[in-house]
């Protein structure tokens, strides 16, 4: 298996789509459907990249990105933010929170894969 990617995504269809695509390209993938578990799972799984949905129930993906940046064990893990909520200024706010990349849904699978590979060098 290749590099490890953790996907924080509450939408089951998107989670399966992203997971299947990444596994087909030799990434080891772990999905997290509840954002409240994301930080603990990142400590356990130790991913090379986190793909973070921004619109999550119970917790904001942007808040999770900020929390990762403040955690010494997680701050070096790059985050690719993927969101359906793409309002004016959102990309700047999310990148300022610490995300290394930003994609708005719907996203083409080629663009998604190229973004992942570009961030973690696969």
PDB file of N, CA and C in Angstrom:
ATOM      1  N   UNK A   1       0.829  -1.195   0.000  1.00  0.00           N
ATOM      2  CA  UNK A   1       0.000   0.000   0.000  1.00  0.00           C
ATOM      3  C   UNK A   1       0.868   1.252   0.000  1.00  0.00           C
ATOM      4  N   UNK A   2       0.296   2.319  -0.507  1.00  0.00           N
ATOM      5  CA  UNK A   2       1.000   3.593  -0.588  1.00  0.00           C
ATOM      6  C   UNK A   2       0.762   4.440   0.644  1.00  0.00           C
ATOM      7  N   UNK A   3       0.746   5.713   0.420  1.00  0.00           N
ATOM      8  CA  UNK A   3       0.576   6.653   1.518  1.00  0.00           C
ATOM      9  C   UNK A   3      -0.831   6.564   2.103  1.00  0.00           C
ATOM     10  N   UNK A   4      -0.932   7.029   3.356  1.00  0.00           N
ATOM     11  CA  UNK A   4      -2.180   6.918   4.108  1.00  0.00           C
ATOM     12  C   UNK A   4      -2.982   8.214   4.026  1.00  0.00           C
ATOM     13  N   UNK A   5      -4.270   8.065   3.696  1.00  0.00           N
ATOM     14  CA  UNK A   5      -5.173   9.202   3.587  1.00  0.00           C
ATOM     15  C   UNK A   5      -6.381   8.956   4.477  1.00  0.00           C
ATOM     16  N   UNK A   6      -6.690   9.930   5.311  1.00  0.00           N
ATOM     17  CA  UNK A   6      -7.884   9.870   6.137  1.00  0.00           C
ATOM     18  C   UNK A   6      -8.910  10.831   5.544  1.00  0.00           C
ATOM     19  N   UNK A   7     -10.127  10.339   5.337  1.00  0.00           N
ATOM     20  CA  UNK A   7     -11.192  11.150   4.756  1.00  0.00           C
ATOM     21  C   UNK A   7     -12.243  11.414   5.825  1.00  0.00           C
ATOM     22  N   UNK A   8     -12.463  12.681   6.144  1.00  0.00           N
ATOM     23  CA  UNK A   8     -13.490  13.079   7.096  1.00  0.00           C
ATOM     24  C   UNK A   8     -14.661  13.601   6.273  1.00  0.00           C
ATOM     25  N   UNK A   9     -15.694  12.778   6.158  1.00  0.00           N
ATOM     26  CA  UNK A   9     -16.817  13.062   5.259  1.00  0.00           C
ATOM     27  C   UNK A   9     -18.070  12.387   5.802  1.00  0.00           C
ATOM     28  N   UNK A  10     -19.130  13.160   6.044  1.00  0.00           N
ATOM     29  CA  UNK A  10     -20.349  12.583   6.598  1.00  0.00           C
ATOM     30  C   UNK A  10     -21.268  11.998   5.533  1.00  0.00           C
ATOM     31  N   UNK A  11     -21.092  12.386   4.280  1.00  0.00           N
ATOM     32  CA  UNK A  11     -21.933  11.875   3.200  1.00  0.00           C
ATOM     33  C   UNK A  11     -21.395  10.517   2.755  1.00  0.00           C
ATOM     34  N   UNK A  12     -22.200   9.473   2.949  1.00  0.00           N
ATOM     35  CA  UNK A  12     -21.748   8.108   2.669  1.00  0.00           C
ATOM     36  C   UNK A  12     -21.341   7.915   1.207  1.00  0.00           C
ATOM     37  N   UNK A  13     -22.101   8.508   0.283  1.00  0.00           N
ATOM     38  CA  UNK A  13     -21.786   8.376  -1.141  1.00  0.00           C
ATOM     39  C   UNK A  13     -20.424   9.004  -1.451  1.00  0.00           C
ATOM     40  N   UNK A  14     -20.186  10.224  -0.979  1.00  0.00           N
ATOM     41  CA  UNK A  14     -18.907  10.884  -1.233  1.00  0.00           C
ATOM     42  C   UNK A  14     -17.755  10.119  -0.587  1.00  0.00           C
ATOM     43  N   UNK A  15     -17.975   9.644   0.621  1.00  0.00           N
ATOM     44  CA  UNK A  15     -16.938   8.883   1.311  1.00  0.00           C
ATOM     45  C   UNK A  15     -16.564   7.635   0.515  1.00  0.00           C
ATOM     46  N   UNK A  16     -17.553   6.912   0.030  1.00  0.00           N
ATOM     47  CA  UNK A  16     -17.281   5.704  -0.755  1.00  0.00           C
ATOM     48  C   UNK A  16     -16.588   6.054  -2.069  1.00  0.00           C
ATOM     49  N   UNK A  17     -17.048   7.084  -2.737  1.00  0.00           N
ATOM     50  CA  UNK A  17     -16.451   7.502  -4.006  1.00  0.00           C
ATOM     51  C   UNK A  17     -14.978   7.866  -3.829  1.00  0.00           C
ATOM     52  N   UNK A  18     -14.676   8.706  -2.839  1.00  0.00           N
ATOM     53  CA  UNK A  18     -13.293   9.117  -2.591  1.00  0.00           C
ATOM     54  C   UNK A  18     -12.435   7.922  -2.168  1.00  0.00           C
ATOM     55  N   UNK A  19     -12.996   7.077  -1.303  1.00  0.00           N
ATOM     56  CA  UNK A  19     -12.263   5.908  -0.815  1.00  0.00           C
ATOM     57  C   UNK A  19     -11.921   4.955  -1.957  1.00  0.00           C
ATOM     58  N   UNK A  20     -12.921   4.634  -2.775  1.00  0.00           N
ATOM     59  CA  UNK A  20     -12.685   3.710  -3.889  1.00  0.00           C
ATOM     60  C   UNK A  20     -11.652   4.260  -4.869  1.00  0.00           C
ATOM     61  N   UNK A  21     -11.741   5.538  -5.185  1.00  0.00           N
ATOM     62  CA  UNK A  21     -10.790   6.146  -6.114  1.00  0.00           C
ATOM     63  C   UNK A  21      -9.370   6.091  -5.559  1.00  0.00           C
ATOM     64  N   UNK A  22      -9.209   6.453  -4.306  1.00  0.00           N
ATOM     65  CA  UNK A  22      -7.864   6.459  -3.715  1.00  0.00           C
ATOM     66  C   UNK A  22      -7.304   5.044  -3.568  1.00  0.00           C
ATOM     67  N   UNK A  23      -8.132   4.115  -3.158  1.00  0.00           N
ATOM     68  CA  UNK A  23      -7.650   2.729  -3.044  1.00  0.00           C
ATOM     69  C   UNK A  23      -7.251   2.167  -4.400  1.00  0.00           C
ATOM     70  N   UNK A  24      -7.974   2.548  -5.455  1.00  0.00           N
ATOM     71  CA  UNK A  24      -7.631   2.102  -6.808  1.00  0.00           C
ATOM     72  C   UNK A  24      -6.271   2.649  -7.242  1.00  0.00           C
ATOM     73  N   UNK A  25      -5.824   3.724  -6.587  1.00  0.00           N
ATOM     74  CA  UNK A  25      -4.516   4.313  -6.889  1.00  0.00           C
ATOM     75  C   UNK A  25      -3.509   4.013  -5.781  1.00  0.00           C
ATOM     76  N   UNK A  26      -3.740   2.934  -5.065  1.00  0.00           N
ATOM     77  CA  UNK A  26      -2.797   2.368  -4.098  1.00  0.00           C
ATOM     78  C   UNK A  26      -2.595   3.180  -2.822  1.00  0.00           C
ATOM     79  N   UNK A  27      -3.573   3.993  -2.457  1.00  0.00           N
ATOM     80  CA  UNK A  27      -3.505   4.679  -1.174  1.00  0.00           C
ATOM     81  C   UNK A  27      -4.171   3.809  -0.121  1.00  0.00           C
ATOM     82  N   UNK A  28      -3.676   3.881   1.107  1.00  0.00           N
ATOM     83  CA  UNK A  28      -4.340   3.251   2.241  1.00  0.00           C
ATOM     84  C   UNK A  28      -5.304   4.298   2.791  1.00  0.00           C
ATOM     85  N   UNK A  29      -6.573   3.949   2.921  1.00  0.00           N
ATOM     86  CA  UNK A  29      -7.603   4.939   3.248  1.00  0.00           C
ATOM     87  C   UNK A  29      -8.374   4.541   4.497  1.00  0.00           C
ATOM     88  N   UNK A  30      -8.636   5.544   5.335  1.00  0.00           N
ATOM     89  CA  UNK A  30      -9.544   5.365   6.465  1.00  0.00           C
ATOM     90  C   UNK A  30     -10.585   6.475   6.398  1.00  0.00           C
ATOM     91  N   UNK A  31     -11.840   6.105   6.484  1.00  0.00           N
ATOM     92  CA  UNK A  31     -12.925   7.074   6.490  1.00  0.00           C
ATOM     93  C   UNK A  31     -13.411   7.346   7.896  1.00  0.00           C
ATOM     94  N   UNK A  32     -13.766   8.594   8.142  1.00  0.00           N
ATOM     95  CA  UNK A  32     -14.338   9.008   9.419  1.00  0.00           C
ATOM     96  C   UNK A  32     -15.608   9.785   9.095  1.00  0.00           C
ATOM     97  N   UNK A  33     -16.751   9.254   9.490  1.00  0.00           N
ATOM     98  CA  UNK A  33     -18.034   9.897   9.158  1.00  0.00           C
ATOM     99  C   UNK A  33     -18.445  10.939  10.189  1.00  0.00           C
ATOM    100  N   UNK A  34     -17.939  10.855  11.399  1.00  0.00           N
ATOM    101  CA  UNK A  34     -18.295  11.792  12.466  1.00  0.00           C
ATOM    102  C   UNK A  34     -17.080  12.665  12.772  1.00  0.00           C
ATOM    103  N   UNK A  35     -17.192  13.944  12.438  1.00  0.00           N
ATOM    104  CA  UNK A  35     -16.075  14.866  12.642  1.00  0.00           C
ATOM    105  C   UNK A  35     -15.596  14.952  14.076  1.00  0.00           C
ATOM    106  N   UNK A  36     -16.481  14.643  15.025  1.00  0.00           N
ATOM    107  CA  UNK A  36     -16.075  14.680  16.434  1.00  0.00           C
ATOM    108  C   UNK A  36     -15.010  13.634  16.751  1.00  0.00           C
ATOM    109  N   UNK A  37     -14.874  12.624  15.889  1.00  0.00           N
ATOM    110  CA  UNK A  37     -13.880  11.566  16.095  1.00  0.00           C
ATOM    111  C   UNK A  37     -12.607  11.804  15.292  1.00  0.00           C
ATOM    112  N   UNK A  38     -12.580  12.837  14.474  1.00  0.00           N
ATOM    113  CA  UNK A  38     -11.501  13.028  13.505  1.00  0.00           C
ATOM    114  C   UNK A  38     -10.122  13.177  14.146  1.00  0.00           C
ATOM    115  N   UNK A  39     -10.001  13.984  15.176  1.00  0.00           N
ATOM    116  CA  UNK A  39      -8.678  14.209  15.768  1.00  0.00           C
ATOM    117  C   UNK A  39      -8.141  12.942  16.419  1.00  0.00           C
ATOM    118  N   UNK A  40      -9.003  12.238  17.154  1.00  0.00           N
ATOM    119  CA  UNK A  40      -8.565  10.985  17.778  1.00  0.00           C
ATOM    120  C   UNK A  40      -8.147   9.969  16.715  1.00  0.00           C
ATOM    121  N   UNK A  41      -8.925   9.866  15.646  1.00  0.00           N
ATOM    122  CA  UNK A  41      -8.603   8.914  14.585  1.00  0.00           C
ATOM    123  C   UNK A  41      -7.300   9.314  13.867  1.00  0.00           C
ATOM    124  N   UNK A  42      -7.059  10.592  13.724  1.00  0.00           N
ATOM    125  CA  UNK A  42      -5.810  11.044  13.094  1.00  0.00           C
ATOM    126  C   UNK A  42      -4.609  10.653  13.954  1.00  0.00           C
ATOM    127  N   UNK A  43      -4.752  10.722  15.268  1.00  0.00           N
ATOM    128  CA  UNK A  43      -3.667  10.296  16.160  1.00  0.00           C
ATOM    129  C   UNK A  43      -3.389   8.805  15.990  1.00  0.00           C
ATOM    130  N   UNK A  44      -4.432   8.017  15.854  1.00  0.00           N
ATOM    131  CA  UNK A  44      -4.283   6.558  15.743  1.00  0.00           C
ATOM    132  C   UNK A  44      -3.783   6.156  14.353  1.00  0.00           C
ATOM    133  N   UNK A  45      -4.383   6.685  13.306  1.00  0.00           N
ATOM    134  CA  UNK A  45      -4.097   6.276  11.928  1.00  0.00           C
ATOM    135  C   UNK A  45      -2.806   6.902  11.386  1.00  0.00           C
ATOM    136  N   UNK A  46      -2.454   8.085  11.879  1.00  0.00           N
ATOM    137  CA  UNK A  46      -1.259   8.823  11.440  1.00  0.00           C
ATOM    138  C   UNK A  46      -1.205   8.965   9.912  1.00  0.00           C
ATOM    139  N   UNK A  47      -2.191   9.660   9.333  1.00  0.00           N
ATOM    140  CA  UNK A  47      -2.243   9.775   7.874  1.00  0.00           C
ATOM    141  C   UNK A  47      -1.178  10.711   7.316  1.00  0.00           C
ATOM    142  N   UNK A  48      -0.902  10.540   6.024  1.00  0.00           N
ATOM    143  CA  UNK A  48      -0.020  11.456   5.303  1.00  0.00           C
ATOM    144  C   UNK A  48      -0.802  12.655   4.779  1.00  0.00           C
ATOM    145  N   UNK A  49      -2.137  12.517   4.727  1.00  0.00           N
ATOM    146  CA  UNK A  49      -3.025  13.574   4.257  1.00  0.00           C
ATOM    147  C   UNK A  49      -4.397  13.365   4.879  1.00  0.00           C
ATOM    148  N   UNK A  50      -5.059  14.474   5.219  1.00  0.00           N
ATOM    149  CA  UNK A  50      -6.456  14.425   5.658  1.00  0.00           C
ATOM    150  C   UNK A  50      -7.280  15.184   4.628  1.00  0.00           C
ATOM    151  N   UNK A  51      -8.320  14.523   4.136  1.00  0.00           N
ATOM    152  CA  UNK A  51      -9.294  15.172   3.266  1.00  0.00           C
ATOM    153  C   UNK A  51     -10.469  15.528   4.163  1.00  0.00           C
ATOM    154  N   UNK A  52     -10.749  16.822   4.259  1.00  0.00           N
ATOM    155  CA  UNK A  52     -11.699  17.312   5.245  1.00  0.00           C
ATOM    156  C   UNK A  52     -12.908  17.968   4.586  1.00  0.00           C
ATOM    157  N   UNK A  53     -14.075  17.369   4.809  1.00  0.00           N
ATOM    158  CA  UNK A  53     -15.321  18.039   4.439  1.00  0.00           C
ATOM    159  C   UNK A  53     -15.469  19.214   5.406  1.00  0.00           C
ATOM    160  N   UNK A  54     -15.897  20.351   4.923  1.00  0.00           N
ATOM    161  CA  UNK A  54     -16.027  21.521   5.788  1.00  0.00           C
ATOM    162  C   UNK A  54     -17.404  21.578   6.441  1.00  0.00           C
ATOM    163  N   UNK A  55     -18.434  21.147   5.724  1.00  0.00           N
ATOM    164  CA  UNK A  55     -19.799  21.160   6.255  1.00  0.00           C
ATOM    165  C   UNK A  55     -20.119  19.815   6.903  1.00  0.00           C
ATOM    166  N   UNK A  56     -19.796  19.699   8.166  1.00  0.00           N
ATOM    167  CA  UNK A  56     -20.050  18.478   8.925  1.00  0.00           C
ATOM    168  C   UNK A  56     -21.088  18.749  10.004  1.00  0.00           C
ATOM    169  N   UNK A  57     -21.888  17.749  10.365  1.00  0.00           N
ATOM    170  CA  UNK A  57     -22.771  17.941  11.522  1.00  0.00           C
ATOM    171  C   UNK A  57     -21.935  17.953  12.809  1.00  0.00           C
ATOM    172  N   UNK A  58     -22.364  18.687  13.786  1.00  0.00           N
ATOM    173  CA  UNK A  58     -21.773  18.713  15.127  1.00  0.00           C
ATOM    174  C   UNK A  58     -20.499  19.543  15.241  1.00  0.00           C
ATOM    175  N   UNK A  59     -19.698  19.635  14.173  1.00  0.00           N
ATOM    176  CA  UNK A  59     -18.426  20.356  14.249  1.00  0.00           C
ATOM    177  C   UNK A  59     -18.068  20.857  12.849  1.00  0.00           C
ATOM    178  N   UNK A  60     -17.455  22.013  12.792  1.00  0.00           N
ATOM    179  CA  UNK A  60     -17.049  22.566  11.505  1.00  0.00           C
ATOM    180  C   UNK A  60     -15.709  21.969  11.080  1.00  0.00           C
ATOM    181  N   UNK A  61     -15.618  21.602   9.807  1.00  0.00           N
ATOM    182  CA  UNK A  61     -14.344  21.121   9.291  1.00  0.00           C
ATOM    183  C   UNK A  61     -13.255  22.175   9.405  1.00  0.00           C
ATOM    184  N   UNK A  62     -13.618  23.450   9.253  1.00  0.00           N
ATOM    185  CA  UNK A  62     -12.635  24.532   9.406  1.00  0.00           C
ATOM    186  C   UNK A  62     -12.095  24.555  10.836  1.00  0.00           C
ATOM    187  N   UNK A  63     -12.962  24.332  11.825  1.00  0.00           N
ATOM    188  CA  UNK A  63     -12.517  24.269  13.222  1.00  0.00           C
ATOM    189  C   UNK A  63     -11.581  23.081  13.434  1.00  0.00           C
ATOM    190  N   UNK A  64     -11.866  21.962  12.762  1.00  0.00           N
ATOM    191  CA  UNK A  64     -10.996  20.785  12.879  1.00  0.00           C
ATOM    192  C   UNK A  64      -9.624  21.063  12.256  1.00  0.00           C
ATOM    193  N   UNK A  65      -9.598  21.776  11.139  1.00  0.00           N
ATOM    194  CA  UNK A  65      -8.320  22.145  10.518  1.00  0.00           C
ATOM    195  C   UNK A  65      -7.512  22.999  11.499  1.00  0.00           C
ATOM    196  N   UNK A  66      -8.168  23.978  12.114  1.00  0.00           N
ATOM    197  CA  UNK A  66      -7.478  24.826  13.093  1.00  0.00           C
ATOM    198  C   UNK A  66      -6.976  24.011  14.283  1.00  0.00           C
ATOM    199  N   UNK A  67      -7.795  23.087  14.760  1.00  0.00           N
ATOM    200  CA  UNK A  67      -7.394  22.245  15.891  1.00  0.00           C
ATOM    201  C   UNK A  67      -6.195  21.378  15.534  1.00  0.00           C
ATOM    202  N   UNK A  68      -6.163  20.879  14.312  1.00  0.00           N
ATOM    203  CA  UNK A  68      -5.011  20.083  13.874  1.00  0.00           C
ATOM    204  C   UNK A  68      -3.747  20.928  13.873  1.00  0.00           C
ATOM    205  N   UNK A  69      -3.857  22.176  13.459  1.00  0.00           N
ATOM    206  CA  UNK A  69      -2.689  23.064  13.415  1.00  0.00           C
ATOM    207  C   UNK A  69      -2.144  23.359  14.805  1.00  0.00           C
ATOM    208  N   UNK A  70      -2.998  23.309  15.811  1.00  0.00           N
ATOM    209  CA  UNK A  70      -2.593  23.595  17.194  1.00  0.00           C
ATOM    210  C   UNK A  70      -2.091  22.354  17.924  1.00  0.00           C
ATOM    211  N   UNK A  71      -2.224  21.190  17.303  1.00  0.00           N
ATOM    212  CA  UNK A  71      -1.821  19.923  17.916  1.00  0.00           C
ATOM    213  C   UNK A  71      -0.444  19.536  17.380  1.00  0.00           C
ATOM    214  N   UNK A  72       0.531  19.457  18.250  1.00  0.00           N
ATOM    215  CA  UNK A  72       1.913  19.192  17.825  1.00  0.00           C
ATOM    216  C   UNK A  72       2.044  17.905  17.023  1.00  0.00           C
ATOM    217  N   UNK A  73       1.238  16.900  17.334  1.00  0.00           N
ATOM    218  CA  UNK A  73       1.337  15.621  16.629  1.00  0.00           C
ATOM    219  C   UNK A  73       0.624  15.636  15.278  1.00  0.00           C
ATOM    220  N   UNK A  74      -0.260  16.593  15.054  1.00  0.00           N
ATOM    221  CA  UNK A  74      -1.049  16.622  13.819  1.00  0.00           C
ATOM    222  C   UNK A  74      -0.714  17.801  12.910  1.00  0.00           C
ATOM    223  N   UNK A  75      -0.017  18.787  13.422  1.00  0.00           N
ATOM    224  CA  UNK A  75       0.173  20.032  12.675  1.00  0.00           C
ATOM    225  C   UNK A  75       0.950  19.872  11.371  1.00  0.00           C
ATOM    226  N   UNK A  76       1.744  18.831  11.256  1.00  0.00           N
ATOM    227  CA  UNK A  76       2.519  18.636  10.021  1.00  0.00           C
ATOM    228  C   UNK A  76       1.741  17.868   8.951  1.00  0.00           C
ATOM    229  N   UNK A  77       0.538  17.380   9.279  1.00  0.00           N
ATOM    230  CA  UNK A  77      -0.264  16.624   8.317  1.00  0.00           C
ATOM    231  C   UNK A  77      -1.023  17.610   7.423  1.00  0.00           C
ATOM    232  N   UNK A  78      -0.801  17.555   6.119  1.00  0.00           N
ATOM    233  CA  UNK A  78      -1.534  18.473   5.238  1.00  0.00           C
ATOM    234  C   UNK A  78      -3.008  18.104   5.157  1.00  0.00           C
ATOM    235  N   UNK A  79      -3.836  19.127   4.928  1.00  0.00           N
ATOM    236  CA  UNK A  79      -5.281  18.959   4.822  1.00  0.00           C
ATOM    237  C   UNK A  79      -5.745  19.490   3.475  1.00  0.00           C
ATOM    238  N   UNK A  80      -6.552  18.686   2.796  1.00  0.00           N
ATOM    239  CA  UNK A  80      -7.232  19.102   1.578  1.00  0.00           C
ATOM    240  C   UNK A  80      -8.694  19.295   1.944  1.00  0.00           C
ATOM    241  N   UNK A  81      -9.173  20.538   1.924  1.00  0.00           N
ATOM    242  CA  UNK A  81     -10.563  20.839   2.244  1.00  0.00           C
ATOM    243  C   UNK A  81     -11.417  20.614   1.004  1.00  0.00           C
ATOM    244  N   UNK A  82     -12.529  19.909   1.192  1.00  0.00           N
ATOM    245  CA  UNK A  82     -13.476  19.657   0.106  1.00  0.00           C
ATOM    246  C   UNK A  82     -14.851  20.029   0.639  1.00  0.00           C
ATOM    247  N   UNK A  83     -15.517  20.964  -0.040  1.00  0.00           N
ATOM    248  CA  UNK A  83     -16.789  21.426   0.486  1.00  0.00           C
ATOM    249  C   UNK A  83     -17.779  21.787  -0.603  1.00  0.00           C
ATOM    250  N   UNK A  84     -19.041  21.577  -0.296  1.00  0.00           N
ATOM    251  CA  UNK A  84     -20.116  21.996  -1.199  1.00  0.00           C
ATOM    252  C   UNK A  84     -20.478  23.446  -0.929  1.00  0.00           C
ATOM    253  N   UNK A  85     -20.075  23.956   0.215  1.00  0.00           N
ATOM    254  CA  UNK A  85     -20.391  25.318   0.600  1.00  0.00           C
ATOM    255  C   UNK A  85     -19.244  26.219   0.169  1.00  0.00           C
ATOM    256  N   UNK A  86     -19.364  26.779  -1.015  1.00  0.00           N
ATOM    257  CA  UNK A  86     -18.280  27.585  -1.573  1.00  0.00           C
ATOM    258  C   UNK A  86     -18.737  29.021  -1.738  1.00  0.00           C
ATOM    259  N   UNK A  87     -18.830  29.727  -0.648  1.00  0.00           N
ATOM    260  CA  UNK A  87     -19.215  31.127  -0.686  1.00  0.00           C
ATOM    261  C   UNK A  87     -17.993  32.016  -0.844  1.00  0.00           C
ATOM    262  N   UNK A  88     -18.247  33.270  -1.108  1.00  0.00           N
ATOM    263  CA  UNK A  88     -17.170  34.239  -1.292  1.00  0.00           C
ATOM    264  C   UNK A  88     -16.313  34.310  -0.028  1.00  0.00           C
ATOM    265  N   UNK A  89     -15.029  34.166  -0.188  1.00  0.00           N
ATOM    266  CA  UNK A  89     -14.106  34.248   0.936  1.00  0.00           C
ATOM    267  C   UNK A  89     -13.877  32.940   1.668  1.00  0.00           C
ATOM    268  N   UNK A  90     -14.667  31.904   1.368  1.00  0.00           N
ATOM    269  CA  UNK A  90     -14.517  30.636   2.089  1.00  0.00           C
ATOM    270  C   UNK A  90     -13.152  30.006   1.864  1.00  0.00           C
ATOM    271  N   UNK A  91     -12.702  29.994   0.609  1.00  0.00           N
ATOM    272  CA  UNK A  91     -11.398  29.385   0.329  1.00  0.00           C
ATOM    273  C   UNK A  91     -10.309  30.091   1.123  1.00  0.00           C
ATOM    274  N   UNK A  92     -10.309  31.410   1.127  1.00  0.00           N
ATOM    275  CA  UNK A  92      -9.286  32.162   1.871  1.00  0.00           C
ATOM    276  C   UNK A  92      -9.347  31.845   3.359  1.00  0.00           C
ATOM    277  N   UNK A  93     -10.553  31.768   3.905  1.00  0.00           N
ATOM    278  CA  UNK A  93     -10.723  31.488   5.339  1.00  0.00           C
ATOM    279  C   UNK A  93     -10.214  30.095   5.688  1.00  0.00           C
ATOM    280  N   UNK A  94     -10.516  29.130   4.832  1.00  0.00           N
ATOM    281  CA  UNK A  94     -10.136  27.741   5.113  1.00  0.00           C
ATOM    282  C   UNK A  94      -8.634  27.535   4.925  1.00  0.00           C
ATOM    283  N   UNK A  95      -8.064  28.169   3.914  1.00  0.00           N
ATOM    284  CA  UNK A  95      -6.610  28.096   3.727  1.00  0.00           C
ATOM    285  C   UNK A  95      -5.902  28.817   4.880  1.00  0.00           C
ATOM    286  N   UNK A  96      -6.461  29.944   5.318  1.00  0.00           N
ATOM    287  CA  UNK A  96      -5.880  30.662   6.458  1.00  0.00           C
ATOM    288  C   UNK A  96      -5.927  29.816   7.728  1.00  0.00           C
ATOM    289  N   UNK A  97      -6.933  28.934   7.844  1.00  0.00           N
ATOM    290  CA  UNK A  97      -7.038  28.040   9.006  1.00  0.00           C
ATOM    291  C   UNK A  97      -5.960  26.963   8.982  1.00  0.00           C
ATOM    292  N   UNK A  98      -5.348  26.743   7.797  1.00  0.00           N
ATOM    293  CA  UNK A  98      -4.263  25.772   7.726  1.00  0.00           C
ATOM    294  C   UNK A  98      -4.371  24.740   6.629  1.00  0.00           C
ATOM    295  N   UNK A  99      -5.446  24.756   5.842  1.00  0.00           N
ATOM    296  CA  UNK A  99      -5.579  23.772   4.757  1.00  0.00           C
ATOM    297  C   UNK A  99      -4.559  24.059   3.661  1.00  0.00           C
ATOM    298  N   UNK A 100      -4.009  23.002   3.089  1.00  0.00           N
ATOM    299  CA  UNK A 100      -3.019  23.138   2.008  1.00  0.00           C
ATOM    300  C   UNK A 100      -3.678  23.232   0.640  1.00  0.00           C
ATOM    301  N   UNK A 101      -4.939  22.816   0.569  1.00  0.00           N
ATOM    302  CA  UNK A 101      -5.665  22.867  -0.685  1.00  0.00           C
ATOM    303  C   UNK A 101      -7.149  22.979  -0.423  1.00  0.00           C
ATOM    304  N   UNK A 102      -7.894  23.356  -1.465  1.00  0.00           N
ATOM    305  CA  UNK A 102      -9.328  23.592  -1.333  1.00  0.00           C
ATOM    306  C   UNK A 102     -10.007  23.218  -2.634  1.00  0.00           C
ATOM    307  N   UNK A 103     -11.021  22.379  -2.556  1.00  0.00           N
ATOM    308  CA  UNK A 103     -11.825  22.005  -3.720  1.00  0.00           C
ATOM    309  C   UNK A 103     -13.290  22.191  -3.373  1.00  0.00           C
ATOM    310  N   UNK A 104     -14.071  22.697  -4.321  1.00  0.00           N
ATOM    311  CA  UNK A 104     -15.500  22.808  -4.080  1.00  0.00           C
ATOM    312  C   UNK A 104     -16.228  21.697  -4.826  1.00  0.00           C
ATOM    313  N   UNK A 105     -17.236  21.132  -4.154  1.00  0.00           N
ATOM    314  CA  UNK A 105     -18.053  20.060  -4.734  1.00  0.00           C
ATOM    315  C   UNK A 105     -19.104  20.696  -5.630  1.00  0.00           C
ATOM    316  N   UNK A 106     -19.528  20.040  -6.673  1.00  0.00           N
ATOM    317  CA  UNK A 106     -19.007  18.741  -7.113  1.00  0.00           C
ATOM    318  C   UNK A 106     -17.620  18.920  -7.724  1.00  0.00           C
ATOM    319  N   UNK A 107     -16.764  17.958  -7.465  1.00  0.00           N
ATOM    320  CA  UNK A 107     -15.392  18.006  -7.962  1.00  0.00           C
ATOM    321  C   UNK A 107     -15.185  16.830  -8.911  1.00  0.00           C
ATOM    322  N   UNK A 108     -14.484  17.078  -9.990  1.00  0.00           N
ATOM    323  CA  UNK A 108     -14.192  15.969 -10.905  1.00  0.00           C
ATOM    324  C   UNK A 108     -13.201  15.033 -10.231  1.00  0.00           C
ATOM    325  N   UNK A 109     -13.320  13.765 -10.517  1.00  0.00           N
ATOM    326  CA  UNK A 109     -12.431  12.787  -9.885  1.00  0.00           C
ATOM    327  C   UNK A 109     -10.974  13.001 -10.305  1.00  0.00           C
ATOM    328  N   UNK A 110     -10.748  13.442 -11.530  1.00  0.00           N
ATOM    329  CA  UNK A 110      -9.378  13.706 -11.975  1.00  0.00           C
ATOM    330  C   UNK A 110      -8.782  14.878 -11.196  1.00  0.00           C
ATOM    331  N   UNK A 111      -9.551  15.939 -11.024  1.00  0.00           N
ATOM    332  CA  UNK A 111      -9.076  17.096 -10.251  1.00  0.00           C
ATOM    333  C   UNK A 111      -8.810  16.697  -8.808  1.00  0.00           C
ATOM    334  N   UNK A 112      -9.707  15.908  -8.235  1.00  0.00           N
ATOM    335  CA  UNK A 112      -9.542  15.432  -6.866  1.00  0.00           C
ATOM    336  C   UNK A 112      -8.251  14.634  -6.726  1.00  0.00           C
ATOM    337  N   UNK A 113      -8.048  13.668  -7.617  1.00  0.00           N
ATOM    338  CA  UNK A 113      -6.870  12.816  -7.550  1.00  0.00           C
ATOM    339  C   UNK A 113      -5.590  13.632  -7.765  1.00  0.00           C
ATOM    340  N   UNK A 114      -5.610  14.547  -8.708  1.00  0.00           N
ATOM    341  CA  UNK A 114      -4.436  15.387  -8.959  1.00  0.00           C
ATOM    342  C   UNK A 114      -4.110  16.249  -7.749  1.00  0.00           C
ATOM    343  N   UNK A 115      -5.136  16.742  -7.074  1.00  0.00           N
ATOM    344  CA  UNK A 115      -4.918  17.553  -5.859  1.00  0.00           C
ATOM    345  C   UNK A 115      -4.283  16.723  -4.750  1.00  0.00           C
ATOM    346  N   UNK A 116      -4.808  15.514  -4.536  1.00  0.00           N
ATOM    347  CA  UNK A 116      -4.247  14.619  -3.537  1.00  0.00           C
ATOM    348  C   UNK A 116      -2.785  14.314  -3.862  1.00  0.00           C
ATOM    349  N   UNK A 117      -2.520  13.919  -5.084  1.00  0.00           N
ATOM    350  CA  UNK A 117      -1.154  13.574  -5.491  1.00  0.00           C
ATOM    351  C   UNK A 117      -0.222  14.779  -5.397  1.00  0.00           C
ATOM    352  N   UNK A 118      -0.721  15.949  -5.749  1.00  0.00           N
ATOM    353  CA  UNK A 118       0.097  17.157  -5.671  1.00  0.00           C
ATOM    354  C   UNK A 118       0.484  17.520  -4.250  1.00  0.00           C
ATOM    355  N   UNK A 119      -0.416  17.296  -3.321  1.00  0.00           N
ATOM    356  CA  UNK A 119      -0.144  17.664  -1.923  1.00  0.00           C
ATOM    357  C   UNK A 119       0.809  16.667  -1.265  1.00  0.00           C
ATOM    358  N   UNK A 120       0.629  15.380  -1.520  1.00  0.00           N
ATOM    359  CA  UNK A 120       1.480  14.402  -0.817  1.00  0.00           C
ATOM    360  C   UNK A 120       2.546  13.769  -1.704  1.00  0.00           C
ATOM    361  N   UNK A 121       2.674  14.256  -2.919  1.00  0.00           N
ATOM    362  CA  UNK A 121       3.794  13.851  -3.746  1.00  0.00           C
ATOM    363  C   UNK A 121       3.768  12.423  -4.250  1.00  0.00           C
ATOM    364  N   UNK A 122       2.604  11.904  -4.565  1.00  0.00           N
ATOM    365  CA  UNK A 122       2.511  10.552  -5.133  1.00  0.00           C
ATOM    366  C   UNK A 122       2.496  10.633  -6.638  1.00  0.00           C
TER     367      UNK A 122
END
